[in-house]
Amino acid sequence: MKRLAIISVAVLLFASTTTIALADDADATETTELSDAQTRKAQLLADYVVGEDAAEGEAEAAVDKIVALRTGSPAIGWGAMFKLLQLAKATDTTLDLLVADGLEDGWAFGRRLKALEQEHKDRLEGTPKNFGQLKKLAKEPKSNQGKKP
């Protein structure tokens, strides 16, 4: 009788944890919207990539692409996203190709940036080294940008 009670309790516990796990998975896949702060980060990255002389709609397309990568599976963090965009900008490689390559072999940003040809390194001259620097520059008034303290 004790064995039957123990087995019954074990079955109930297993069933309840399975239901909870399935509910958590369903919630995780439905979250595809970003908060306002996260959307501003996506906009900041899009502005970095397309520049000031972008064609109409180009910035919006870049934001949509960045949001899709940020909310996709696996989700790409903001720092990694910045480095991918930096590599794409320097080498004229598409973001999709860099993402696919990184998911397959890992990104190894330091190695990739060091391996760039001088022409590509020159394109990154004067640009922020990481996402934190980009955010800091975006907060500075336009009159202070480019000046060293």
Protein backbone atom coordinates (compact mmCIF):
# COMPACT_ATOMS: atom_id res chain seq x y z
CA MET A 1 0.00 0.00 0.00
CA LYS A 2 2.89 2.38 0.80
CA ARG A 3 4.44 1.72 -2.61
CA LEU A 4 1.20 2.56 -4.36
CA ALA A 5 0.92 5.84 -2.42
CA ILE A 6 4.52 6.76 -3.24
CA ILE A 7 4.04 5.99 -6.92
CA SER A 8 0.82 8.01 -7.01
CA VAL A 9 2.54 11.02 -5.46
CA ALA A 10 5.46 10.68 -7.87
CA VAL A 11 3.11 10.58 -10.87
CA LEU A 12 1.25 13.68 -9.63
CA LEU A 13 4.50 15.57 -9.09
CA PHE A 14 5.80 14.62 -12.52
CA ALA A 15 2.54 15.63 -14.21
CA SER A 16 2.45 19.01 -12.47
CA THR A 17 6.09 19.87 -13.30
CA THR A 18 5.59 18.87 -16.93
CA THR A 19 2.58 21.17 -17.21
CA ILE A 20 4.53 24.05 -15.68
CA ALA A 21 7.49 23.48 -18.02
CA LEU A 22 5.24 23.42 -21.08
CA ALA A 23 3.53 26.64 -19.97
CA ASP A 24 6.92 28.34 -19.52
CA ASP A 25 8.00 27.29 -23.03
CA ALA A 26 4.80 28.67 -24.53
CA ASP A 27 5.32 32.01 -22.78
CA ALA A 28 8.92 32.23 -23.97
CA THR A 29 8.06 31.81 -27.64
CA GLU A 30 5.32 34.43 -27.62
CA THR A 31 7.52 37.34 -26.44
CA THR A 32 8.62 39.09 -29.62
CA GLU A 33 8.01 42.74 -28.73
CA LEU A 34 10.66 44.97 -27.24
CA SER A 35 10.23 47.54 -24.51
CA ASP A 36 10.62 51.22 -25.39
CA ALA A 37 14.19 51.23 -24.07
CA GLN A 38 15.05 48.15 -26.12
CA THR A 39 13.44 49.69 -29.21
CA ARG A 40 15.61 52.81 -28.73
CA LYS A 41 18.67 50.56 -28.67
CA ALA A 42 17.57 48.97 -31.94
CA GLN A 43 17.06 52.44 -33.44
CA LEU A 44 20.51 53.53 -32.24
CA LEU A 45 22.12 50.50 -33.92
CA ALA A 46 20.14 51.08 -37.11
CA ASP A 47 21.25 54.72 -37.21
CA TYR A 48 24.86 53.57 -36.76
CA VAL A 49 24.60 51.22 -39.71
CA VAL A 50 22.66 53.27 -42.24
CA GLY A 51 24.22 56.64 -41.45
CA GLU A 52 22.77 60.09 -41.95
CA ASP A 53 22.44 59.89 -45.74
CA ALA A 54 20.19 56.81 -45.70
CA ALA A 55 17.42 56.41 -48.22
CA GLU A 56 13.84 56.67 -47.00
CA GLY A 57 12.76 53.44 -45.34
CA GLU A 58 16.30 52.12 -45.00
CA ALA A 59 16.52 52.92 -41.28
CA GLU A 60 13.12 51.32 -40.61
CA ALA A 61 14.18 48.16 -42.45
CA ALA A 62 17.38 48.05 -40.39
CA VAL A 63 15.41 48.43 -37.15
CA ASP A 64 13.08 45.60 -38.20
CA LYS A 65 16.06 43.37 -38.97
CA ILE A 66 17.75 44.16 -35.64
CA VAL A 67 14.54 43.53 -33.69
CA ALA A 68 14.09 40.20 -35.47
CA LEU A 69 17.62 39.13 -34.53
CA ARG A 70 17.19 40.34 -30.95
CA THR A 71 13.90 38.49 -30.44
CA GLY A 72 14.74 35.43 -32.56
CA SER A 73 15.97 32.09 -31.40
CA PRO A 74 18.72 32.22 -30.36
CA ALA A 75 18.46 35.89 -29.45
CA ILE A 76 21.53 37.98 -30.16
CA GLY A 77 22.63 40.40 -27.43
CA TRP A 78 23.15 44.10 -28.04
CA GLY A 79 26.93 43.94 -27.74
CA ALA A 80 27.22 41.05 -30.18
CA MET A 81 24.74 42.77 -32.50
CA PHE A 82 26.94 45.90 -32.51
CA LYS A 83 30.06 43.88 -33.38
CA LEU A 84 28.19 42.07 -36.17
CA LEU A 85 26.99 45.38 -37.58
CA GLN A 86 30.52 46.78 -37.28
CA LEU A 87 31.91 43.83 -39.25
CA ALA A 88 29.16 44.15 -41.84
CA LYS A 89 29.84 47.87 -42.22
CA ALA A 90 33.60 47.38 -42.54
CA THR A 91 33.55 44.48 -44.98
CA ASP A 92 30.34 45.09 -46.96
CA THR A 93 29.21 41.62 -45.88
CA THR A 94 25.51 41.13 -45.25
CA LEU A 95 24.32 40.86 -41.69
CA ASP A 96 22.48 37.64 -42.55
CA LEU A 97 25.69 36.00 -43.75
CA LEU A 98 27.61 37.06 -40.62
CA VAL A 99 24.82 35.80 -38.34
CA ALA A 100 24.62 32.45 -40.13
CA ASP A 101 28.40 32.07 -40.04
CA GLY A 102 28.52 32.94 -36.34
CA LEU A 103 25.76 30.55 -35.40
CA GLU A 104 27.65 27.81 -37.18
CA ASP A 105 31.24 28.49 -36.08
CA GLY A 106 31.05 31.13 -33.34
CA TRP A 107 31.77 34.79 -33.89
CA ALA A 108 35.22 35.32 -32.30
CA PHE A 109 34.97 39.08 -32.80
CA GLY A 110 38.49 39.90 -31.65
CA ARG A 111 40.03 37.45 -34.11
CA ARG A 112 37.79 38.64 -36.93
CA LEU A 113 38.50 42.31 -36.33
CA LYS A 114 42.26 41.70 -36.13
CA ALA A 115 42.15 39.69 -39.36
CA LEU A 116 40.56 42.53 -41.33
CA GLU A 117 42.55 44.00 -44.18
CA GLN A 118 43.86 47.53 -43.61
CA GLU A 119 41.24 48.95 -46.00
CA HIS A 120 38.49 47.51 -43.80
CA LYS A 121 40.16 48.63 -40.58
CA ASP A 122 40.31 52.15 -41.98
CA ARG A 123 36.52 52.13 -42.39
CA LEU A 124 36.18 51.59 -38.65
CA GLU A 125 38.60 54.37 -37.73
CA GLY A 126 36.92 56.89 -35.45
CA THR A 127 33.89 54.72 -34.79
CA PRO A 128 32.95 53.41 -31.34
CA LYS A 129 34.70 50.21 -30.28
CA ASN A 130 31.66 48.75 -28.52
CA PHE A 131 27.97 49.28 -27.93
CA GLY A 132 28.60 51.08 -24.64
CA GLN A 133 30.66 53.74 -26.40
CA LEU A 134 27.97 54.11 -29.06
CA LYS A 135 25.31 54.69 -26.38
CA LYS A 136 27.57 57.20 -24.63
CA LEU A 137 28.14 59.13 -27.86
CA ALA A 138 24.41 59.18 -28.53
CA LYS A 139 23.79 60.82 -25.14
CA GLU A 140 26.36 63.58 -25.67
CA PRO A 141 25.19 66.87 -27.14
CA LYS A 142 26.18 67.28 -30.80
CA SER A 143 28.59 70.12 -29.93
CA ASN A 144 30.70 67.84 -27.68
CA GLN A 145 30.92 64.82 -30.01
CA GLY A 146 34.37 64.09 -31.30
CA LYS A 147 36.10 66.20 -28.66
CA LYS A 148 38.36 64.56 -26.12
CA PRO A 149 38.11 65.72 -22.49
